[in-house]
Amino acid sequence: MTPSQPAAPDWAAYLQQMEAVLGLTLDEPRRAELLAQFSRIAMMAEPLMALPLDARTEIAGVYRA
């Protein structure tokens, strides 16, 4: 990881926090599938997030786990 790159998201910690916030208890197969989906979505978003934007382009906030 270089200084300009954010740390990789900890999807397991995020999922654990969301379970607590939403009052859910997921079984292991469902938790594993959600972790796989989060990882896939993050991989698909990488090229888009790396796209340089013109300084005059207005952007929306970016959530970082």
PDB file of N, CA and C in Angstrom:
ATOM      1  N   MET A   1       0.851  -1.184   0.000  1.00  0.00           N
ATOM      2  CA  MET A   1       0.000   0.000   0.000  1.00  0.00           C
ATOM      3  C   MET A   1       0.891   1.239   0.000  1.00  0.00           C
ATOM      4  N   THR A   2       0.607   2.157  -0.905  1.00  0.00           N
ATOM      5  CA  THR A   2       1.348   3.407  -0.961  1.00  0.00           C
ATOM      6  C   THR A   2       0.585   4.459  -0.153  1.00  0.00           C
ATOM      7  N   PRO A   3       1.240   5.563   0.195  1.00  0.00           N
ATOM      8  CA  PRO A   3       0.562   6.596   0.991  1.00  0.00           C
ATOM      9  C   PRO A   3      -0.700   7.140   0.345  1.00  0.00           C
ATOM     10  N   SER A   4      -0.785   7.130  -0.990  1.00  0.00           N
ATOM     11  CA  SER A   4      -1.957   7.687  -1.659  1.00  0.00           C
ATOM     12  C   SER A   4      -3.118   6.702  -1.719  1.00  0.00           C
ATOM     13  N   GLN A   5      -2.883   5.438  -1.398  1.00  0.00           N
ATOM     14  CA  GLN A   5      -3.938   4.438  -1.449  1.00  0.00           C
ATOM     15  C   GLN A   5      -4.529   4.221  -0.058  1.00  0.00           C
ATOM     16  N   PRO A   6      -5.874   4.210   0.034  1.00  0.00           N
ATOM     17  CA  PRO A   6      -6.486   3.920   1.329  1.00  0.00           C
ATOM     18  C   PRO A   6      -6.319   2.447   1.679  1.00  0.00           C
ATOM     19  N   ALA A   7      -6.416   2.140   2.943  1.00  0.00           N
ATOM     20  CA  ALA A   7      -6.328   0.744   3.378  1.00  0.00           C
ATOM     21  C   ALA A   7      -7.500  -0.045   2.799  1.00  0.00           C
ATOM     22  N   ALA A   8      -7.275  -1.319   2.560  1.00  0.00           N
ATOM     23  CA  ALA A   8      -8.340  -2.176   2.049  1.00  0.00           C
ATOM     24  C   ALA A   8      -9.442  -2.283   3.097  1.00  0.00           C
ATOM     25  N   PRO A   9     -10.695  -2.241   2.656  1.00  0.00           N
ATOM     26  CA  PRO A   9     -11.799  -2.333   3.618  1.00  0.00           C
ATOM     27  C   PRO A   9     -11.796  -3.671   4.348  1.00  0.00           C
ATOM     28  N   ASP A  10     -12.153  -3.644   5.598  1.00  0.00           N
ATOM     29  CA  ASP A  10     -12.314  -4.863   6.395  1.00  0.00           C
ATOM     30  C   ASP A  10     -13.795  -5.213   6.341  1.00  0.00           C
ATOM     31  N   TRP A  11     -14.186  -5.962   5.315  1.00  0.00           N
ATOM     32  CA  TRP A  11     -15.597  -6.263   5.106  1.00  0.00           C
ATOM     33  C   TRP A  11     -16.174  -7.107   6.232  1.00  0.00           C
ATOM     34  N   ALA A  12     -15.378  -7.969   6.843  1.00  0.00           N
ATOM     35  CA  ALA A  12     -15.872  -8.782   7.954  1.00  0.00           C
ATOM     36  C   ALA A  12     -16.255  -7.886   9.132  1.00  0.00           C
ATOM     37  N   ALA A  13     -15.417  -6.894   9.431  1.00  0.00           N
ATOM     38  CA  ALA A  13     -15.726  -5.969  10.522  1.00  0.00           C
ATOM     39  C   ALA A  13     -16.958  -5.136  10.184  1.00  0.00           C
ATOM     40  N   TYR A  14     -17.048  -4.683   8.939  1.00  0.00           N
ATOM     41  CA  TYR A  14     -18.209  -3.905   8.499  1.00  0.00           C
ATOM     42  C   TYR A  14     -19.486  -4.725   8.661  1.00  0.00           C
ATOM     43  N   LEU A  15     -19.442  -5.973   8.201  1.00  0.00           N
ATOM     44  CA  LEU A  15     -20.614  -6.835   8.282  1.00  0.00           C
ATOM     45  C   LEU A  15     -20.998  -7.075   9.749  1.00  0.00           C
ATOM     46  N   GLN A  16     -20.021  -7.289  10.601  1.00  0.00           N
ATOM     47  CA  GLN A  16     -20.285  -7.489  12.025  1.00  0.00           C
ATOM     48  C   GLN A  16     -20.955  -6.248  12.626  1.00  0.00           C
ATOM     49  N   GLN A  17     -20.471  -5.072  12.257  1.00  0.00           N
ATOM     50  CA  GLN A  17     -21.071  -3.825  12.754  1.00  0.00           C
ATOM     51  C   GLN A  17     -22.501  -3.665  12.250  1.00  0.00           C
ATOM     52  N   MET A  18     -22.749  -3.989  10.987  1.00  0.00           N
ATOM     53  CA  MET A  18     -24.094  -3.869  10.435  1.00  0.00           C
ATOM     54  C   MET A  18     -25.054  -4.857  11.089  1.00  0.00           C
ATOM     55  N   GLU A  19     -24.569  -6.046  11.390  1.00  0.00           N
ATOM     56  CA  GLU A  19     -25.413  -7.004  12.120  1.00  0.00           C
ATOM     57  C   GLU A  19     -25.834  -6.412  13.459  1.00  0.00           C
ATOM     58  N   ALA A  20     -24.882  -5.798  14.166  1.00  0.00           N
ATOM     59  CA  ALA A  20     -25.176  -5.215  15.471  1.00  0.00           C
ATOM     60  C   ALA A  20     -26.146  -4.040  15.340  1.00  0.00           C
ATOM     61  N   VAL A  21     -25.883  -3.153  14.384  1.00  0.00           N
ATOM     62  CA  VAL A  21     -26.730  -1.965  14.209  1.00  0.00           C
ATOM     63  C   VAL A  21     -28.153  -2.354  13.824  1.00  0.00           C
ATOM     64  N   LEU A  22     -28.273  -3.348  12.944  1.00  0.00           N
ATOM     65  CA  LEU A  22     -29.593  -3.742  12.454  1.00  0.00           C
ATOM     66  C   LEU A  22     -30.259  -4.799  13.324  1.00  0.00           C
ATOM     67  N   GLY A  23     -29.551  -5.300  14.318  1.00  0.00           N
ATOM     68  CA  GLY A  23     -30.114  -6.329  15.187  1.00  0.00           C
ATOM     69  C   GLY A  23     -30.324  -7.650  14.480  1.00  0.00           C
ATOM     70  N   LEU A  24     -29.405  -7.990  13.577  1.00  0.00           N
ATOM     71  CA  LEU A  24     -29.493  -9.241  12.817  1.00  0.00           C
ATOM     72  C   LEU A  24     -28.477 -10.250  13.326  1.00  0.00           C
ATOM     73  N   THR A  25     -28.789 -11.515  13.118  1.00  0.00           N
ATOM     74  CA  THR A  25     -27.819 -12.574  13.361  1.00  0.00           C
ATOM     75  C   THR A  25     -27.787 -13.430  12.100  1.00  0.00           C
ATOM     76  N   LEU A  26     -26.663 -13.386  11.406  1.00  0.00           N
ATOM     77  CA  LEU A  26     -26.518 -14.142  10.166  1.00  0.00           C
ATOM     78  C   LEU A  26     -25.846 -15.473  10.450  1.00  0.00           C
ATOM     79  N   ASP A  27     -26.272 -16.499   9.718  1.00  0.00           N
ATOM     80  CA  ASP A  27     -25.568 -17.774   9.833  1.00  0.00           C
ATOM     81  C   ASP A  27     -24.296 -17.712   8.986  1.00  0.00           C
ATOM     82  N   GLU A  28     -23.392 -18.635   9.208  1.00  0.00           N
ATOM     83  CA  GLU A  28     -22.087 -18.587   8.527  1.00  0.00           C
ATOM     84  C   GLU A  28     -22.183 -18.646   7.004  1.00  0.00           C
ATOM     85  N   PRO A  29     -23.023 -19.518   6.416  1.00  0.00           N
ATOM     86  CA  PRO A  29     -23.116 -19.510   4.940  1.00  0.00           C
ATOM     87  C   PRO A  29     -23.564 -18.155   4.375  1.00  0.00           C
ATOM     88  N   ARG A  30     -24.535 -17.534   5.019  1.00  0.00           N
ATOM     89  CA  ARG A  30     -25.024 -16.230   4.543  1.00  0.00           C
ATOM     90  C   ARG A  30     -23.955 -15.157   4.730  1.00  0.00           C
ATOM     91  N   ARG A  31     -23.273 -15.183   5.868  1.00  0.00           N
ATOM     92  CA  ARG A  31     -22.199 -14.218   6.134  1.00  0.00           C
ATOM     93  C   ARG A  31     -21.083 -14.384   5.097  1.00  0.00           C
ATOM     94  N   ALA A  32     -20.703 -15.625   4.807  1.00  0.00           N
ATOM     95  CA  ALA A  32     -19.648 -15.880   3.822  1.00  0.00           C
ATOM     96  C   ALA A  32     -20.054 -15.375   2.438  1.00  0.00           C
ATOM     97  N   GLU A  33     -21.314 -15.570   2.061  1.00  0.00           N
ATOM     98  CA  GLU A  33     -21.780 -15.104   0.756  1.00  0.00           C
ATOM     99  C   GLU A  33     -21.792 -13.583   0.685  1.00  0.00           C
ATOM    100  N   LEU A  34     -22.212 -12.926   1.755  1.00  0.00           N
ATOM    101  CA  LEU A  34     -22.187 -11.464   1.768  1.00  0.00           C
ATOM    102  C   LEU A  34     -20.762 -10.929   1.670  1.00  0.00           C
ATOM    103  N   LEU A  35     -19.834 -11.563   2.365  1.00  0.00           N
ATOM    104  CA  LEU A  35     -18.428 -11.146   2.277  1.00  0.00           C
ATOM    105  C   LEU A  35     -17.907 -11.308   0.848  1.00  0.00           C
ATOM    106  N   ALA A  36     -18.285 -12.405   0.202  1.00  0.00           N
ATOM    107  CA  ALA A  36     -17.873 -12.623  -1.196  1.00  0.00           C
ATOM    108  C   ALA A  36     -18.466 -11.551  -2.101  1.00  0.00           C
ATOM    109  N   GLN A  37     -19.733 -11.213  -1.884  1.00  0.00           N
ATOM    110  CA  GLN A  37     -20.377 -10.187  -2.712  1.00  0.00           C
ATOM    111  C   GLN A  37     -19.751  -8.816  -2.497  1.00  0.00           C
ATOM    112  N   PHE A  38     -19.487  -8.453  -1.248  1.00  0.00           N
ATOM    113  CA  PHE A  38     -18.834  -7.166  -0.978  1.00  0.00           C
ATOM    114  C   PHE A  38     -17.480  -7.097  -1.676  1.00  0.00           C
ATOM    115  N   SER A  39     -16.737  -8.180  -1.632  1.00  0.00           N
ATOM    116  CA  SER A  39     -15.419  -8.213  -2.282  1.00  0.00           C
ATOM    117  C   SER A  39     -15.554  -8.062  -3.796  1.00  0.00           C
ATOM    118  N   ARG A  40     -16.531  -8.739  -4.385  1.00  0.00           N
ATOM    119  CA  ARG A  40     -16.757  -8.632  -5.842  1.00  0.00           C
ATOM    120  C   ARG A  40     -17.132  -7.200  -6.227  1.00  0.00           C
ATOM    121  N   ILE A  41     -18.027  -6.609  -5.463  1.00  0.00           N
ATOM    122  CA  ILE A  41     -18.460  -5.239  -5.763  1.00  0.00           C
ATOM    123  C   ILE A  41     -17.277  -4.282  -5.659  1.00  0.00           C
ATOM    124  N   ALA A  42     -16.453  -4.446  -4.630  1.00  0.00           N
ATOM    125  CA  ALA A  42     -15.278  -3.587  -4.460  1.00  0.00           C
ATOM    126  C   ALA A  42     -14.317  -3.751  -5.636  1.00  0.00           C
ATOM    127  N   MET A  43     -14.122  -4.985  -6.117  1.00  0.00           N
ATOM    128  CA  MET A  43     -13.230  -5.211  -7.268  1.00  0.00           C
ATOM    129  C   MET A  43     -13.782  -4.536  -8.521  1.00  0.00           C
ATOM    130  N   MET A  44     -15.097  -4.606  -8.720  1.00  0.00           N
ATOM    131  CA  MET A  44     -15.696  -3.968  -9.890  1.00  0.00           C
ATOM    132  C   MET A  44     -15.602  -2.450  -9.804  1.00  0.00           C
ATOM    133  N   ALA A  45     -15.641  -1.897  -8.607  1.00  0.00           N
ATOM    134  CA  ALA A  45     -15.611  -0.445  -8.427  1.00  0.00           C
ATOM    135  C   ALA A  45     -14.201   0.135  -8.534  1.00  0.00           C
ATOM    136  N   GLU A  46     -13.173  -0.695  -8.354  1.00  0.00           N
ATOM    137  CA  GLU A  46     -11.791  -0.182  -8.372  1.00  0.00           C
ATOM    138  C   GLU A  46     -11.458   0.647  -9.605  1.00  0.00           C
ATOM    139  N   PRO A  47     -11.714   0.149 -10.826  1.00  0.00           N
ATOM    140  CA  PRO A  47     -11.365   0.965 -12.007  1.00  0.00           C
ATOM    141  C   PRO A  47     -12.115   2.297 -12.044  1.00  0.00           C
ATOM    142  N   LEU A  48     -13.364   2.276 -11.640  1.00  0.00           N
ATOM    143  CA  LEU A  48     -14.143   3.515 -11.633  1.00  0.00           C
ATOM    144  C   LEU A  48     -13.600   4.495 -10.602  1.00  0.00           C
ATOM    145  N   MET A  49     -13.260   3.999  -9.422  1.00  0.00           N
ATOM    146  CA  MET A  49     -12.736   4.867  -8.370  1.00  0.00           C
ATOM    147  C   MET A  49     -11.355   5.422  -8.739  1.00  0.00           C
ATOM    148  N   ALA A  50     -10.612   4.710  -9.584  1.00  0.00           N
ATOM    149  CA  ALA A  50      -9.277   5.147  -9.988  1.00  0.00           C
ATOM    150  C   ALA A  50      -9.318   6.162 -11.139  1.00  0.00           C
ATOM    151  N   LEU A  51     -10.486   6.348 -11.746  1.00  0.00           N
ATOM    152  CA  LEU A  51     -10.616   7.268 -12.870  1.00  0.00           C
ATOM    153  C   LEU A  51     -10.352   8.694 -12.412  1.00  0.00           C
ATOM    154  N   PRO A  52      -9.358   9.344 -13.012  1.00  0.00           N
ATOM    155  CA  PRO A  52      -9.086  10.730 -12.596  1.00  0.00           C
ATOM    156  C   PRO A  52     -10.205  11.659 -13.070  1.00  0.00           C
ATOM    157  N   LEU A  53     -10.560  12.593 -12.218  1.00  0.00           N
ATOM    158  CA  LEU A  53     -11.598  13.568 -12.556  1.00  0.00           C
ATOM    159  C   LEU A  53     -10.970  14.938 -12.740  1.00  0.00           C
ATOM    160  N   ASP A  54     -11.541  15.694 -13.623  1.00  0.00           N
ATOM    161  CA  ASP A  54     -11.126  17.074 -13.820  1.00  0.00           C
ATOM    162  C   ASP A  54     -11.349  17.834 -12.521  1.00  0.00           C
ATOM    163  N   ALA A  55     -10.495  18.763 -12.197  1.00  0.00           N
ATOM    164  CA  ALA A  55     -10.589  19.510 -10.940  1.00  0.00           C
ATOM    165  C   ALA A  55     -11.904  20.269 -10.821  1.00  0.00           C
ATOM    166  N   ARG A  56     -12.532  20.578 -11.953  1.00  0.00           N
ATOM    167  CA  ARG A  56     -13.784  21.335 -11.922  1.00  0.00           C
ATOM    168  C   ARG A  56     -15.010  20.438 -11.800  1.00  0.00           C
ATOM    169  N   THR A  57     -14.822  19.142 -11.842  1.00  0.00           N
ATOM    170  CA  THR A  57     -15.938  18.212 -11.762  1.00  0.00           C
ATOM    171  C   THR A  57     -16.413  18.090 -10.319  1.00  0.00           C
ATOM    172  N   GLU A  58     -17.720  18.288 -10.124  1.00  0.00           N
ATOM    173  CA  GLU A  58     -18.270  18.126  -8.780  1.00  0.00           C
ATOM    174  C   GLU A  58     -18.459  16.636  -8.523  1.00  0.00           C
ATOM    175  N   ILE A  59     -18.050  16.203  -7.348  1.00  0.00           N
ATOM    176  CA  ILE A  59     -18.206  14.797  -7.022  1.00  0.00           C
ATOM    177  C   ILE A  59     -19.032  14.649  -5.748  1.00  0.00           C
ATOM    178  N   ALA A  60     -19.623  13.492  -5.602  1.00  0.00           N
ATOM    179  CA  ALA A  60     -20.381  13.185  -4.380  1.00  0.00           C
ATOM    180  C   ALA A  60     -19.407  12.642  -3.358  1.00  0.00           C
ATOM    181  N   GLY A  61     -19.840  12.578  -2.110  1.00  0.00           N
ATOM    182  CA  GLY A  61     -19.012  12.002  -1.049  1.00  0.00           C
ATOM    183  C   GLY A  61     -18.741  10.543  -1.327  1.00  0.00           C
ATOM    184  N   VAL A  62     -17.609  10.056  -0.865  1.00  0.00           N
ATOM    185  CA  VAL A  62     -17.221   8.664  -1.067  1.00  0.00           C
ATOM    186  C   VAL A  62     -17.112   8.002   0.293  1.00  0.00           C
ATOM    187  N   TYR A  63     -17.866   6.920   0.479  1.00  0.00           N
ATOM    188  CA  TYR A  63     -17.798   6.164   1.730  1.00  0.00           C
ATOM    189  C   TYR A  63     -16.587   5.265   1.712  1.00  0.00           C
ATOM    190  N   ARG A  64     -15.824   5.270   2.760  1.00  0.00           N
ATOM    191  CA  ARG A  64     -14.688   4.369   2.913  1.00  0.00           C
ATOM    192  C   ARG A  64     -14.879   3.623   4.224  1.00  0.00           C
ATOM    193  N   ALA A  65     -14.868   2.308   4.140  1.00  0.00           N
ATOM    194  CA  ALA A  65     -15.058   1.468   5.340  1.00  0.00           C
ATOM    195  C   ALA A  65     -13.837   1.529   6.221  1.00  0.00           C
TER     196      ALA A  65
END
